[in-house]
């Protein structure tokens, strides 16, 4: 396969998205877009994207705004701008790939964690044939209060400020079930080496600004609104996948709530939870099964 890197203009009109494209050597079966999560980057998906290319898919993805090489400088890490930029970038990059490789090819979309919120809002059957929603979260009644607190802090401190109390409010509870492991990122994966690599990665261990948390909560709230559940096209097959021990999905309860709400609204949705696995199921003991299930789903 061929792995290339390129820059594509972001919808924010300022940044250039750092994009990686994995092109198979043989016949191309389709296009597969990967959208990464909060405080990580697209190169962490190298192994998975190589697997997809080895199975005949042009697999591509980019560092989101405020992340990795797209940020451009350390000062921009954790600053995302408007939430609409995140969804617009996903649509525009897939539109570009369809023009380059052929609009007749089937096209698939996967979003993990924060990326799952992005793809839930961005997905349309006009661009994608099927969508995989990975490591997502369900409705959170505390979102409105949290958003109000973040916006109040922005008025006082500015969008680019880092406030440890806000970070603790949003993310602090994720490690509670795993306190015996004495590792605040134990919730990511059961594999210690995965967590050690994450901890050693400059483009994972940065902090979100107040703007970053505002954008995150907006994405989470919007994709769990009544309007969203009604607006999803019944013609767009969805696959929800998550670790059963993932706190982002409330240990399966939040993911199940999303599944049931989609079903109740007549949508085409499947769900699978992986016992004993945590947030990053592509970096946990279930990795190979997850990849098989994705390949089966996109057929």
Protein backbone atom coordinates (compact mmCIF):
# COMPACT_ATOMS: atom_id res chain seq x y z
CA UNK A 1 0.00 0.00 0.00
CA UNK A 2 0.97 3.64 -0.31
CA UNK A 3 0.77 6.01 2.66
CA UNK A 4 0.77 9.70 1.83
CA UNK A 5 0.43 12.89 3.84
CA UNK A 6 -1.14 16.08 2.60
CA UNK A 7 -2.63 19.37 3.71
CA UNK A 8 -6.26 20.27 3.07
CA UNK A 9 -7.76 23.68 3.97
CA UNK A 10 -10.03 23.63 7.02
CA UNK A 11 -13.47 25.20 6.98
CA UNK A 12 -12.26 27.64 9.66
CA UNK A 13 -10.39 29.52 6.92
CA UNK A 14 -7.18 29.53 8.98
CA UNK A 15 -5.72 26.07 9.43
CA UNK A 16 -4.55 23.36 7.05
CA UNK A 17 -5.78 19.90 8.04
CA UNK A 18 -2.97 17.36 8.33
CA UNK A 19 -4.35 14.36 6.45
CA UNK A 20 -3.05 10.81 5.99
CA UNK A 21 -4.24 8.61 3.11
CA UNK A 22 -3.68 4.85 2.90
CA UNK A 23 -4.15 3.55 -0.65
CA UNK A 24 -4.28 -0.21 -1.34
CA UNK A 25 -2.07 -1.72 -4.03
CA UNK A 26 -4.88 -3.61 -5.76
CA UNK A 27 -8.50 -2.95 -6.58
CA UNK A 28 -10.21 -0.27 -4.49
CA UNK A 29 -13.43 -1.52 -2.86
CA UNK A 30 -14.43 1.77 -1.31
CA UNK A 31 -13.47 4.81 0.77
CA UNK A 32 -13.17 4.72 4.57
CA UNK A 33 -12.93 7.91 6.64
CA UNK A 34 -11.63 7.80 10.24
CA UNK A 35 -12.34 10.66 12.69
CA UNK A 36 -10.24 10.57 15.86
CA UNK A 37 -11.19 11.57 19.39
CA UNK A 38 -10.29 14.22 21.95
CA UNK A 39 -6.61 14.90 22.72
CA UNK A 40 -5.19 12.41 20.26
CA UNK A 41 -4.31 12.38 16.55
CA UNK A 42 -4.81 10.40 13.36
CA UNK A 43 -1.38 8.71 13.45
CA UNK A 44 -2.58 6.67 16.45
CA UNK A 45 -4.85 4.85 13.98
CA UNK A 46 -1.99 3.78 11.73
CA UNK A 47 -2.39 0.05 12.43
CA UNK A 48 -6.15 0.11 11.91
CA UNK A 49 -5.90 2.20 8.75
CA UNK A 50 -3.31 -0.19 7.32
CA UNK A 51 -5.72 -3.06 8.02
CA UNK A 52 -8.49 -1.28 6.14
CA UNK A 53 -6.19 -0.56 3.19
CA UNK A 54 -5.04 -4.19 3.19
CA UNK A 55 -8.72 -5.12 2.82
CA UNK A 56 -9.08 -2.92 -0.26
CA UNK A 57 -10.25 0.43 1.14
CA UNK A 58 -8.72 3.84 0.60
CA UNK A 59 -8.54 4.79 4.28
CA UNK A 60 -8.00 8.41 5.25
CA UNK A 61 -8.33 10.80 8.16
CA UNK A 62 -6.92 14.04 9.50
CA UNK A 63 -5.88 15.71 12.74
CA UNK A 64 -8.93 17.63 13.92
CA UNK A 65 -8.73 21.35 14.60
CA UNK A 66 -6.81 21.95 17.83
CA UNK A 67 -5.03 18.61 17.50
CA UNK A 68 -1.73 17.21 16.22
CA UNK A 69 -0.10 18.77 13.19
CA UNK A 70 -3.29 20.60 12.20
CA UNK A 71 -2.92 22.84 15.26
CA UNK A 72 0.25 24.25 13.71
CA UNK A 73 1.68 25.45 17.03
CA UNK A 74 1.48 24.43 20.67
CA UNK A 75 -0.64 27.48 21.49
CA UNK A 76 -3.42 26.16 19.24
CA UNK A 77 -3.55 22.70 20.84
CA UNK A 78 -6.92 22.34 22.55
CA UNK A 79 -8.50 25.32 20.78
CA UNK A 80 -11.15 24.08 18.34
CA UNK A 81 -13.11 27.13 17.24
CA UNK A 82 -16.79 26.56 16.39
CA UNK A 83 -18.27 23.06 16.56
CA UNK A 84 -19.58 23.52 13.01
CA UNK A 85 -16.00 23.58 11.73
CA UNK A 86 -15.52 20.04 13.00
CA UNK A 87 -18.49 18.63 11.08
CA UNK A 88 -17.84 20.76 7.99
CA UNK A 89 -14.25 19.49 7.78
CA UNK A 90 -15.43 15.86 7.82
CA UNK A 91 -17.90 16.50 5.02
CA UNK A 92 -15.50 18.53 2.89
CA UNK A 93 -12.63 16.03 3.09
CA UNK A 94 -14.87 13.09 2.13
CA UNK A 95 -16.34 15.16 -0.72
CA UNK A 96 -12.79 15.81 -1.95
CA UNK A 97 -11.85 12.12 -1.73
CA UNK A 98 -14.96 11.12 -3.66
CA UNK A 99 -13.99 13.55 -6.43
CA UNK A 100 -10.46 12.16 -6.56
CA UNK A 101 -11.24 8.43 -6.36
CA UNK A 102 -14.71 8.31 -7.93
CA UNK A 103 -18.14 9.11 -6.56
CA UNK A 104 -19.41 5.65 -7.52
CA UNK A 105 -17.28 3.99 -4.84
CA UNK A 106 -19.10 3.11 -1.60
CA UNK A 107 -18.01 5.34 1.25
CA UNK A 108 -17.89 4.62 4.98
CA UNK A 109 -17.34 6.76 8.06
CA UNK A 110 -16.03 5.93 11.53
CA UNK A 111 -15.79 8.31 14.47
CA UNK A 112 -14.32 7.51 17.89
CA UNK A 113 -15.15 9.29 21.17
CA UNK A 114 -15.38 13.03 20.41
CA UNK A 115 -15.13 11.91 16.80
CA UNK A 116 -18.29 9.86 17.34
CA UNK A 117 -20.16 13.04 18.27
CA UNK A 118 -18.77 14.75 15.17
CA UNK A 119 -19.80 11.97 12.78
CA UNK A 120 -23.25 11.63 14.34
CA UNK A 121 -23.86 15.27 13.43
CA UNK A 122 -22.04 15.20 10.08
CA UNK A 123 -23.35 11.92 8.65
CA UNK A 124 -25.63 12.00 5.67
CA UNK A 125 -26.46 9.20 3.17
CA UNK A 126 -25.54 11.61 0.40
CA UNK A 127 -21.88 11.16 1.39
CA UNK A 128 -21.65 7.86 3.26
CA UNK A 129 -23.20 4.43 2.76
CA UNK A 130 -22.70 3.28 6.37
CA UNK A 131 -21.43 4.81 9.61
CA UNK A 132 -19.60 3.30 12.60
CA UNK A 133 -20.09 5.16 15.89
CA UNK A 134 -17.34 4.09 18.30
CA UNK A 135 -16.93 4.92 21.98
CA UNK A 136 -19.84 7.34 22.02
CA UNK A 137 -21.82 8.78 24.92
CA UNK A 138 -25.51 9.17 25.58
CA UNK A 139 -27.63 12.00 26.93
CA UNK A 140 -26.11 13.81 29.92
CA UNK A 141 -28.48 15.94 32.03
CA UNK A 142 -25.48 17.83 33.46
CA UNK A 143 -24.46 19.18 30.05
CA UNK A 144 -26.54 22.37 30.28
CA UNK A 145 -25.10 23.28 33.67
CA UNK A 146 -21.57 22.46 32.52
CA UNK A 147 -21.95 24.51 29.36
CA UNK A 148 -23.25 27.50 31.34
CA UNK A 149 -20.25 27.25 33.71
CA UNK A 150 -17.79 27.03 30.82
CA UNK A 151 -19.31 30.06 29.08
CA UNK A 152 -19.22 32.03 32.30
CA UNK A 153 -15.53 31.17 32.65
CA UNK A 154 -14.90 32.25 29.05
CA UNK A 155 -16.34 35.70 29.81
CA UNK A 156 -13.93 36.07 32.71
CA UNK A 157 -10.80 34.35 31.42
CA UNK A 158 -11.10 34.16 27.62
CA UNK A 159 -11.57 31.28 25.18
CA UNK A 160 -7.96 30.13 25.25
CA UNK A 161 -7.62 29.82 29.00
CA UNK A 162 -6.99 26.45 30.62
CA UNK A 163 -9.00 25.92 33.81
CA UNK A 164 -8.12 22.72 35.72
CA UNK A 165 -11.47 22.77 37.52
CA UNK A 166 -13.37 22.59 34.23
CA UNK A 167 -11.22 19.69 33.04
CA UNK A 168 -11.87 17.85 36.29
CA UNK A 169 -15.60 18.54 36.00
CA UNK A 170 -15.80 17.11 32.46
CA UNK A 171 -13.28 14.26 32.63
CA UNK A 172 -12.47 13.68 36.29
CA UNK A 173 -15.02 10.95 36.90
CA UNK A 174 -13.79 8.61 34.17
CA UNK A 175 -11.04 7.06 36.32
CA UNK A 176 -13.22 6.43 39.38
CA UNK A 177 -13.96 2.77 38.63
CA UNK A 178 -10.27 2.05 38.07
CA UNK A 179 -8.75 3.72 41.15
CA UNK A 180 -7.06 0.50 42.24
CA UNK A 181 -4.79 0.76 39.19
CA UNK A 182 -3.46 4.12 40.38
CA UNK A 183 -3.52 5.52 36.85
CA UNK A 184 -5.73 8.47 35.93
CA UNK A 185 -5.94 7.29 32.30
CA UNK A 186 -6.68 3.64 33.15
CA UNK A 187 -10.12 4.15 31.62
CA UNK A 188 -8.58 4.32 28.13
CA UNK A 189 -7.54 0.67 27.83
CA UNK A 190 -6.85 -2.44 29.87
CA UNK A 191 -3.40 -2.50 28.24
CA UNK A 192 -0.73 -0.68 30.23
CA UNK A 193 1.53 -0.27 27.19
CA UNK A 194 -1.24 1.61 25.36
CA UNK A 195 -1.57 4.01 28.28
CA UNK A 196 2.21 4.42 28.56
CA UNK A 197 2.48 5.28 24.87
CA UNK A 198 -0.41 7.73 25.20
CA UNK A 199 1.26 9.37 28.19
CA UNK A 200 4.55 9.75 26.30
CA UNK A 201 2.87 11.38 23.28
CA UNK A 202 3.03 15.18 23.19
CA UNK A 203 -0.05 15.28 20.99
CA UNK A 204 -2.11 13.33 23.53
CA UNK A 205 -1.10 14.89 26.83
CA UNK A 206 -2.14 18.48 26.17
CA UNK A 207 -5.07 20.27 27.81
CA UNK A 208 -8.27 21.54 26.24
CA UNK A 209 -8.91 25.27 26.42
CA UNK A 210 -12.25 26.60 27.62
CA UNK A 211 -13.24 26.86 23.97
CA UNK A 212 -12.30 23.20 23.48
CA UNK A 213 -14.56 22.08 26.30
CA UNK A 214 -17.36 24.37 25.07
CA UNK A 215 -17.13 22.78 21.62
CA UNK A 216 -16.99 19.27 23.08
CA UNK A 217 -20.10 19.78 25.22
CA UNK A 218 -21.95 21.40 22.30
CA UNK A 219 -21.20 18.38 20.09
CA UNK A 220 -22.23 15.95 22.83
CA UNK A 221 -25.46 17.80 23.56
CA UNK A 222 -26.53 18.29 19.96
CA UNK A 223 -26.04 14.67 18.94
CA UNK A 224 -28.16 13.56 21.89
CA UNK A 225 -31.00 15.99 21.29
CA UNK A 226 -34.50 14.93 20.26
CA UNK A 227 -33.95 16.83 17.01
CA UNK A 228 -30.93 14.70 16.13
CA UNK A 229 -32.61 11.36 16.82
CA UNK A 230 -35.46 12.39 14.53
CA UNK A 231 -33.21 13.83 11.81
CA UNK A 232 -31.02 10.75 11.23
CA UNK A 233 -31.85 9.24 7.87
CA UNK A 234 -33.55 5.85 8.09
CA UNK A 235 -31.61 4.99 4.91
CA UNK A 236 -28.24 5.28 6.69
CA UNK A 237 -27.14 2.06 8.47
CA UNK A 238 -25.40 2.75 11.79
CA UNK A 239 -23.23 0.47 13.92
CA UNK A 240 -22.64 1.45 17.56
CA UNK A 241 -19.56 -0.22 19.09
CA UNK A 242 -18.14 0.36 22.54
CA UNK A 243 -16.28 -1.24 25.39
CA UNK A 244 -18.65 -2.51 28.08
CA UNK A 245 -16.28 -0.91 30.64
CA UNK A 246 -16.07 2.45 28.85
CA UNK A 247 -17.03 5.33 31.19
CA UNK A 248 -17.68 7.66 28.22
CA UNK A 249 -20.60 5.38 27.33
CA UNK A 250 -21.59 5.03 31.01
CA UNK A 251 -20.38 1.41 30.96
CA UNK A 252 -22.78 0.48 28.20
CA UNK A 253 -25.82 2.30 29.57
CA UNK A 254 -25.29 5.48 27.54
CA UNK A 255 -24.60 3.59 24.32
CA UNK A 256 -27.68 1.46 24.88
CA UNK A 257 -29.75 4.60 25.45
CA UNK A 258 -28.58 5.98 22.09
CA UNK A 259 -29.38 2.65 20.41
CA UNK A 260 -32.89 2.51 21.91
CA UNK A 261 -33.68 6.12 20.98
CA UNK A 262 -32.58 5.50 17.39
CA UNK A 263 -34.66 2.32 17.24
CA UNK A 264 -37.68 4.15 18.67
CA UNK A 265 -37.32 6.70 15.87
CA UNK A 266 -37.28 3.99 13.20
CA UNK A 267 -33.58 4.14 12.34
CA UNK A 268 -31.40 1.38 10.89
CA UNK A 269 -29.02 0.72 13.79
CA UNK A 270 -27.04 -2.16 15.30
CA UNK A 271 -25.07 -2.23 18.56
CA UNK A 272 -22.28 -4.32 20.04
CA UNK A 273 -20.57 -3.97 23.43
CA UNK A 274 -17.24 -5.71 24.09
CA UNK A 275 -17.04 -7.25 27.60
CA UNK A 276 -14.00 -6.35 29.69
CA UNK A 277 -12.82 -3.60 27.31
CA UNK A 278 -12.63 0.12 27.99
CA UNK A 279 -12.71 3.28 25.90
CA UNK A 280 -10.24 2.59 23.08
CA UNK A 281 -11.51 -0.70 21.71
CA UNK A 282 -9.07 -0.49 18.79
CA UNK A 283 -6.31 -0.51 21.42
CA UNK A 284 -7.70 -3.17 23.74
CA UNK A 285 -7.93 -6.95 23.89
CA UNK A 286 -10.96 -6.96 21.56
CA UNK A 287 -9.13 -5.15 18.73
CA UNK A 288 -9.14 -8.00 16.21
CA UNK A 289 -12.81 -8.78 16.82
CA UNK A 290 -13.73 -5.10 16.44
CA UNK A 291 -11.97 -4.96 13.07
CA UNK A 292 -13.72 -8.15 11.91
CA UNK A 293 -17.08 -6.74 13.00
CA UNK A 294 -16.46 -3.49 11.12
CA UNK A 295 -15.45 -5.35 7.96
CA UNK A 296 -18.56 -7.55 8.26
CA UNK A 297 -20.74 -4.48 8.72
CA UNK A 298 -19.48 -2.66 5.65
CA UNK A 299 -19.53 -5.93 3.73
